[in-house]
Amino acid sequence: MRSEAERARIVAESLLPGAQISEVARKHGATRWQIYDWRRRFRQRGALPSCESPTTSFAPLVVEEPLDERHVPAVKLEIAIGDIVVRTDAAIDGKQLSQVIRAVRASR
């Protein structure tokens, strides 16, 4: 039987951009349906936002000059939540990032 923290980490991994539920499940010796069930239970407890009601808000991005795409370095995003570090690129969808952060917090 998995601990609540372990389920939360697996759910967080399944919410990362590009993650495929079947691959995450196989990696952790679980089934896709277990992960879907864990997500549902975290949502019911308020640890993950509902799929229907986005609650994320971010500060607007203001660009004073157009950027030349050929000279824009790849931007990486790293968020530390206690002893857990979430790494992604800056192109992550805000809703997905919010879900990952909530899942990580729920695992603590």
N, C-alpha and C. Protein backbone atom coordinates (compact mmCIF):
# COMPACT_ATOMS: atom_id res chain seq x y z
N MET A 1 0.85 -1.19 0.00
CA MET A 1 0.00 0.00 0.00
C MET A 1 0.89 1.24 0.00
N ARG A 2 0.54 2.21 -0.84
CA ARG A 2 1.33 3.43 -0.98
C ARG A 2 0.92 4.48 0.05
N SER A 3 1.91 5.24 0.49
CA SER A 3 1.63 6.32 1.42
C SER A 3 0.95 7.46 0.67
N GLU A 4 0.31 8.34 1.41
CA GLU A 4 -0.34 9.51 0.81
C GLU A 4 0.69 10.38 0.08
N ALA A 5 1.86 10.53 0.67
CA ALA A 5 2.92 11.34 0.05
C ALA A 5 3.38 10.72 -1.27
N GLU A 6 3.50 9.40 -1.31
CA GLU A 6 3.93 8.73 -2.53
C GLU A 6 2.88 8.88 -3.62
N ARG A 7 1.61 8.73 -3.26
CA ARG A 7 0.53 8.92 -4.25
C ARG A 7 0.55 10.35 -4.79
N ALA A 8 0.77 11.33 -3.90
CA ALA A 8 0.79 12.73 -4.31
C ALA A 8 1.96 12.99 -5.27
N ARG A 9 3.12 12.39 -5.02
CA ARG A 9 4.27 12.56 -5.91
C ARG A 9 3.98 11.96 -7.29
N ILE A 10 3.33 10.81 -7.31
CA ILE A 10 3.00 10.16 -8.59
C ILE A 10 1.97 11.00 -9.35
N VAL A 11 0.97 11.52 -8.64
CA VAL A 11 -0.03 12.39 -9.27
C VAL A 11 0.65 13.63 -9.82
N ALA A 12 1.54 14.24 -9.05
CA ALA A 12 2.25 15.44 -9.52
C ALA A 12 3.03 15.13 -10.78
N GLU A 13 3.70 13.99 -10.81
CA GLU A 13 4.46 13.61 -12.00
C GLU A 13 3.53 13.42 -13.19
N SER A 14 2.34 12.87 -12.95
CA SER A 14 1.40 12.62 -14.05
C SER A 14 0.83 13.92 -14.61
N LEU A 15 0.94 15.01 -13.87
CA LEU A 15 0.41 16.30 -14.32
C LEU A 15 1.44 17.17 -15.03
N LEU A 16 2.68 16.72 -15.08
CA LEU A 16 3.71 17.50 -15.76
C LEU A 16 3.43 17.55 -17.26
N PRO A 17 3.79 18.64 -17.91
CA PRO A 17 3.56 18.74 -19.36
C PRO A 17 4.24 17.59 -20.10
N GLY A 18 3.50 16.98 -20.99
CA GLY A 18 4.05 15.90 -21.79
C GLY A 18 4.01 14.53 -21.12
N ALA A 19 3.63 14.49 -19.85
CA ALA A 19 3.58 13.21 -19.14
C ALA A 19 2.44 12.37 -19.69
N GLN A 20 2.70 11.08 -19.83
CA GLN A 20 1.66 10.15 -20.27
C GLN A 20 1.32 9.25 -19.09
N ILE A 21 0.05 9.18 -18.77
CA ILE A 21 -0.41 8.42 -17.61
C ILE A 21 0.10 6.99 -17.65
N SER A 22 0.04 6.35 -18.80
CA SER A 22 0.45 4.95 -18.89
C SER A 22 1.93 4.79 -18.55
N GLU A 23 2.77 5.74 -19.00
CA GLU A 23 4.20 5.65 -18.71
C GLU A 23 4.48 5.90 -17.22
N VAL A 24 3.79 6.89 -16.65
CA VAL A 24 3.97 7.18 -15.22
C VAL A 24 3.52 5.97 -14.40
N ALA A 25 2.39 5.39 -14.77
CA ALA A 25 1.87 4.23 -14.05
C ALA A 25 2.85 3.06 -14.13
N ARG A 26 3.33 2.78 -15.32
CA ARG A 26 4.27 1.66 -15.51
C ARG A 26 5.54 1.89 -14.69
N LYS A 27 6.05 3.11 -14.70
CA LYS A 27 7.27 3.45 -13.97
C LYS A 27 7.13 3.17 -12.47
N HIS A 28 5.94 3.39 -11.94
CA HIS A 28 5.72 3.24 -10.50
C HIS A 28 4.96 1.96 -10.12
N GLY A 29 4.77 1.08 -11.09
CA GLY A 29 4.10 -0.19 -10.80
C GLY A 29 2.64 -0.01 -10.41
N ALA A 30 1.99 0.97 -11.03
CA ALA A 30 0.58 1.24 -10.75
C ALA A 30 -0.19 1.08 -12.06
N THR A 31 -1.50 1.24 -11.99
CA THR A 31 -2.32 1.24 -13.20
C THR A 31 -2.76 2.67 -13.50
N ARG A 32 -3.14 2.90 -14.75
CA ARG A 32 -3.65 4.23 -15.12
C ARG A 32 -4.85 4.59 -14.27
N TRP A 33 -5.70 3.61 -14.02
CA TRP A 33 -6.93 3.89 -13.29
C TRP A 33 -6.65 4.25 -11.84
N GLN A 34 -5.59 3.70 -11.26
CA GLN A 34 -5.21 4.11 -9.91
C GLN A 34 -4.84 5.59 -9.89
N ILE A 35 -4.05 5.99 -10.87
CA ILE A 35 -3.62 7.39 -10.91
C ILE A 35 -4.83 8.30 -11.13
N TYR A 36 -5.73 7.94 -12.02
CA TYR A 36 -6.95 8.74 -12.22
C TYR A 36 -7.75 8.81 -10.91
N ASP A 37 -7.83 7.69 -10.21
CA ASP A 37 -8.55 7.66 -8.93
C ASP A 37 -7.88 8.56 -7.89
N TRP A 38 -6.55 8.50 -7.82
CA TRP A 38 -5.82 9.35 -6.86
C TRP A 38 -6.04 10.82 -7.19
N ARG A 39 -6.01 11.17 -8.49
CA ARG A 39 -6.27 12.55 -8.89
C ARG A 39 -7.66 12.98 -8.41
N ARG A 40 -8.65 12.11 -8.67
CA ARG A 40 -10.04 12.43 -8.28
C ARG A 40 -10.13 12.66 -6.78
N ARG A 41 -9.47 11.81 -6.01
CA ARG A 41 -9.53 11.94 -4.54
C ARG A 41 -8.84 13.22 -4.06
N PHE A 42 -7.70 13.57 -4.68
CA PHE A 42 -7.03 14.83 -4.32
C PHE A 42 -7.92 16.02 -4.67
N ARG A 43 -8.62 15.96 -5.82
CA ARG A 43 -9.52 17.05 -6.20
C ARG A 43 -10.67 17.16 -5.21
N GLN A 44 -11.22 16.03 -4.79
CA GLN A 44 -12.34 16.05 -3.84
C GLN A 44 -11.93 16.69 -2.51
N ARG A 45 -10.67 16.48 -2.11
CA ARG A 45 -10.19 17.07 -0.85
C ARG A 45 -9.70 18.50 -1.03
N GLY A 46 -9.71 18.99 -2.27
CA GLY A 46 -9.27 20.36 -2.53
C GLY A 46 -7.77 20.50 -2.70
N ALA A 47 -7.04 19.36 -2.77
CA ALA A 47 -5.60 19.41 -2.95
C ALA A 47 -5.22 19.69 -4.40
N LEU A 48 -6.16 19.44 -5.31
CA LEU A 48 -5.99 19.77 -6.73
C LEU A 48 -7.23 20.53 -7.15
N PRO A 49 -7.08 21.53 -8.03
CA PRO A 49 -8.27 22.26 -8.48
C PRO A 49 -9.12 21.39 -9.38
N SER A 50 -10.39 21.70 -9.42
CA SER A 50 -11.30 21.00 -10.30
C SER A 50 -10.91 21.26 -11.75
N CYS A 51 -11.15 20.31 -12.61
CA CYS A 51 -10.84 20.48 -14.03
C CYS A 51 -11.70 21.59 -14.65
N GLU A 52 -12.89 21.81 -14.10
CA GLU A 52 -13.83 22.76 -14.68
C GLU A 52 -13.58 24.19 -14.22
N SER A 53 -12.97 24.38 -13.05
CA SER A 53 -12.87 25.74 -12.52
C SER A 53 -11.42 26.15 -12.31
N PRO A 54 -10.82 26.81 -13.30
CA PRO A 54 -9.45 27.26 -13.12
C PRO A 54 -9.38 28.35 -12.06
N THR A 55 -8.42 28.21 -11.13
CA THR A 55 -8.29 29.17 -10.05
C THR A 55 -6.92 29.83 -10.06
N THR A 56 -6.18 29.62 -11.13
CA THR A 56 -4.82 30.13 -11.20
C THR A 56 -4.82 31.56 -11.72
N SER A 57 -4.01 32.38 -11.10
CA SER A 57 -3.81 33.72 -11.65
C SER A 57 -2.33 34.02 -11.61
N PHE A 58 -1.83 34.59 -12.68
CA PHE A 58 -0.43 34.93 -12.79
C PHE A 58 -0.31 36.40 -13.14
N ALA A 59 0.80 36.99 -12.80
CA ALA A 59 1.07 38.37 -13.17
C ALA A 59 1.22 38.45 -14.68
N PRO A 60 0.74 39.52 -15.29
CA PRO A 60 0.88 39.63 -16.75
C PRO A 60 2.34 39.83 -17.16
N LEU A 61 2.68 39.31 -18.30
CA LEU A 61 4.01 39.48 -18.86
C LEU A 61 4.00 40.74 -19.72
N VAL A 62 4.94 41.62 -19.47
CA VAL A 62 5.05 42.85 -20.25
C VAL A 62 6.39 42.82 -20.98
N VAL A 63 6.34 42.92 -22.29
CA VAL A 63 7.55 42.95 -23.11
C VAL A 63 7.61 44.33 -23.76
N GLU A 64 8.68 45.05 -23.46
CA GLU A 64 8.80 46.41 -23.99
C GLU A 64 9.26 46.42 -25.43
N GLU A 65 10.08 45.46 -25.83
CA GLU A 65 10.57 45.39 -27.20
C GLU A 65 10.31 43.99 -27.73
N PRO A 66 10.00 43.87 -29.02
CA PRO A 66 9.84 42.52 -29.58
C PRO A 66 11.16 41.75 -29.46
N LEU A 67 11.04 40.47 -29.13
CA LEU A 67 12.23 39.64 -28.99
C LEU A 67 12.53 38.94 -30.32
N ASP A 68 13.79 38.89 -30.64
CA ASP A 68 14.22 38.14 -31.81
C ASP A 68 14.33 36.69 -31.38
N GLU A 69 13.46 35.83 -31.90
CA GLU A 69 13.38 34.44 -31.46
C GLU A 69 14.69 33.68 -31.64
N ARG A 70 15.51 34.10 -32.57
CA ARG A 70 16.78 33.40 -32.79
C ARG A 70 17.77 33.63 -31.66
N HIS A 71 17.56 34.69 -30.88
CA HIS A 71 18.51 35.04 -29.83
C HIS A 71 17.94 34.88 -28.43
N VAL A 72 16.81 34.22 -28.31
CA VAL A 72 16.18 34.02 -27.00
C VAL A 72 16.71 32.72 -26.41
N PRO A 73 17.37 32.80 -25.26
CA PRO A 73 17.86 31.56 -24.64
C PRO A 73 16.69 30.72 -24.10
N ALA A 74 16.90 29.42 -24.02
CA ALA A 74 15.89 28.54 -23.44
C ALA A 74 15.74 28.87 -21.97
N VAL A 75 14.53 29.15 -21.55
CA VAL A 75 14.27 29.54 -20.17
C VAL A 75 13.77 28.32 -19.42
N LYS A 76 14.42 28.03 -18.30
CA LYS A 76 14.01 26.92 -17.45
C LYS A 76 13.41 27.49 -16.18
N LEU A 77 12.46 26.77 -15.63
CA LEU A 77 11.77 27.19 -14.43
C LEU A 77 12.03 26.14 -13.35
N GLU A 78 12.43 26.59 -12.19
CA GLU A 78 12.70 25.68 -11.07
C GLU A 78 12.00 26.24 -9.84
N ILE A 79 11.15 25.42 -9.23
CA ILE A 79 10.40 25.83 -8.04
C ILE A 79 10.72 24.85 -6.92
N ALA A 80 11.20 25.37 -5.80
CA ALA A 80 11.49 24.54 -4.63
C ALA A 80 10.35 24.68 -3.64
N ILE A 81 9.79 23.54 -3.26
CA ILE A 81 8.73 23.50 -2.25
C ILE A 81 9.26 22.58 -1.16
N GLY A 82 9.82 23.18 -0.12
CA GLY A 82 10.47 22.39 0.91
C GLY A 82 11.66 21.66 0.32
N ASP A 83 11.69 20.34 0.46
CA ASP A 83 12.79 19.56 -0.07
C ASP A 83 12.49 18.98 -1.46
N ILE A 84 11.39 19.40 -2.06
CA ILE A 84 11.00 18.93 -3.38
C ILE A 84 11.24 20.05 -4.39
N VAL A 85 11.87 19.72 -5.52
CA VAL A 85 12.15 20.70 -6.57
C VAL A 85 11.42 20.27 -7.83
N VAL A 86 10.62 21.18 -8.38
CA VAL A 86 9.91 20.94 -9.63
C VAL A 86 10.65 21.72 -10.71
N ARG A 87 11.09 21.02 -11.76
CA ARG A 87 11.81 21.66 -12.86
C ARG A 87 11.02 21.47 -14.15
N THR A 88 10.90 22.55 -14.91
CA THR A 88 10.21 22.49 -16.19
C THR A 88 10.72 23.64 -17.05
N ASP A 89 10.26 23.71 -18.28
CA ASP A 89 10.62 24.88 -19.08
C ASP A 89 9.55 25.95 -18.89
N ALA A 90 9.85 27.14 -19.32
CA ALA A 90 8.96 28.28 -19.08
C ALA A 90 7.69 28.21 -19.93
N ALA A 91 7.60 27.27 -20.84
CA ALA A 91 6.41 27.15 -21.69
C ALA A 91 5.29 26.35 -21.02
N ILE A 92 5.45 25.97 -19.76
CA ILE A 92 4.43 25.18 -19.08
C ILE A 92 3.13 25.97 -18.98
N ASP A 93 2.04 25.26 -19.14
CA ASP A 93 0.71 25.85 -19.00
C ASP A 93 0.48 26.19 -17.52
N GLY A 94 -0.02 27.38 -17.26
CA GLY A 94 -0.23 27.83 -15.89
C GLY A 94 -1.15 26.92 -15.09
N LYS A 95 -2.17 26.38 -15.73
CA LYS A 95 -3.11 25.48 -15.05
C LYS A 95 -2.40 24.20 -14.62
N GLN A 96 -1.60 23.65 -15.51
CA GLN A 96 -0.86 22.43 -15.18
C GLN A 96 0.13 22.68 -14.05
N LEU A 97 0.83 23.80 -14.12
CA LEU A 97 1.80 24.13 -13.07
C LEU A 97 1.10 24.27 -11.73
N SER A 98 -0.05 24.90 -11.71
CA SER A 98 -0.81 25.05 -10.47
C SER A 98 -1.20 23.69 -9.90
N GLN A 99 -1.63 22.77 -10.76
CA GLN A 99 -2.02 21.43 -10.31
C GLN A 99 -0.82 20.69 -9.73
N VAL A 100 0.32 20.81 -10.36
CA VAL A 100 1.53 20.14 -9.88
C VAL A 100 1.91 20.69 -8.50
N ILE A 101 1.89 22.00 -8.35
CA ILE A 101 2.25 22.61 -7.06
C ILE A 101 1.29 22.17 -5.97
N ARG A 102 0.00 22.14 -6.27
CA ARG A 102 -0.98 21.70 -5.26
C ARG A 102 -0.76 20.23 -4.87
N ALA A 103 -0.44 19.40 -5.86
CA ALA A 103 -0.19 17.98 -5.57
C ALA A 103 1.05 17.82 -4.70
N VAL A 104 2.08 18.59 -4.99
CA VAL A 104 3.30 18.52 -4.17
C VAL A 104 3.01 18.97 -2.76
N ARG A 105 2.28 20.07 -2.63
CA ARG A 105 1.93 20.55 -1.28
C ARG A 105 1.12 19.52 -0.51
N ALA A 106 0.22 18.82 -1.21
CA ALA A 106 -0.62 17.82 -0.56
C ALA A 106 0.19 16.62 -0.08
N SER A 107 1.34 16.42 -0.69
CA SER A 107 2.15 15.26 -0.32
C SER A 107 2.96 15.53 0.96
N ARG A 108 2.97 16.74 1.41
CA ARG A 108 3.81 17.12 2.56
C ARG A 108 3.09 16.93 3.86
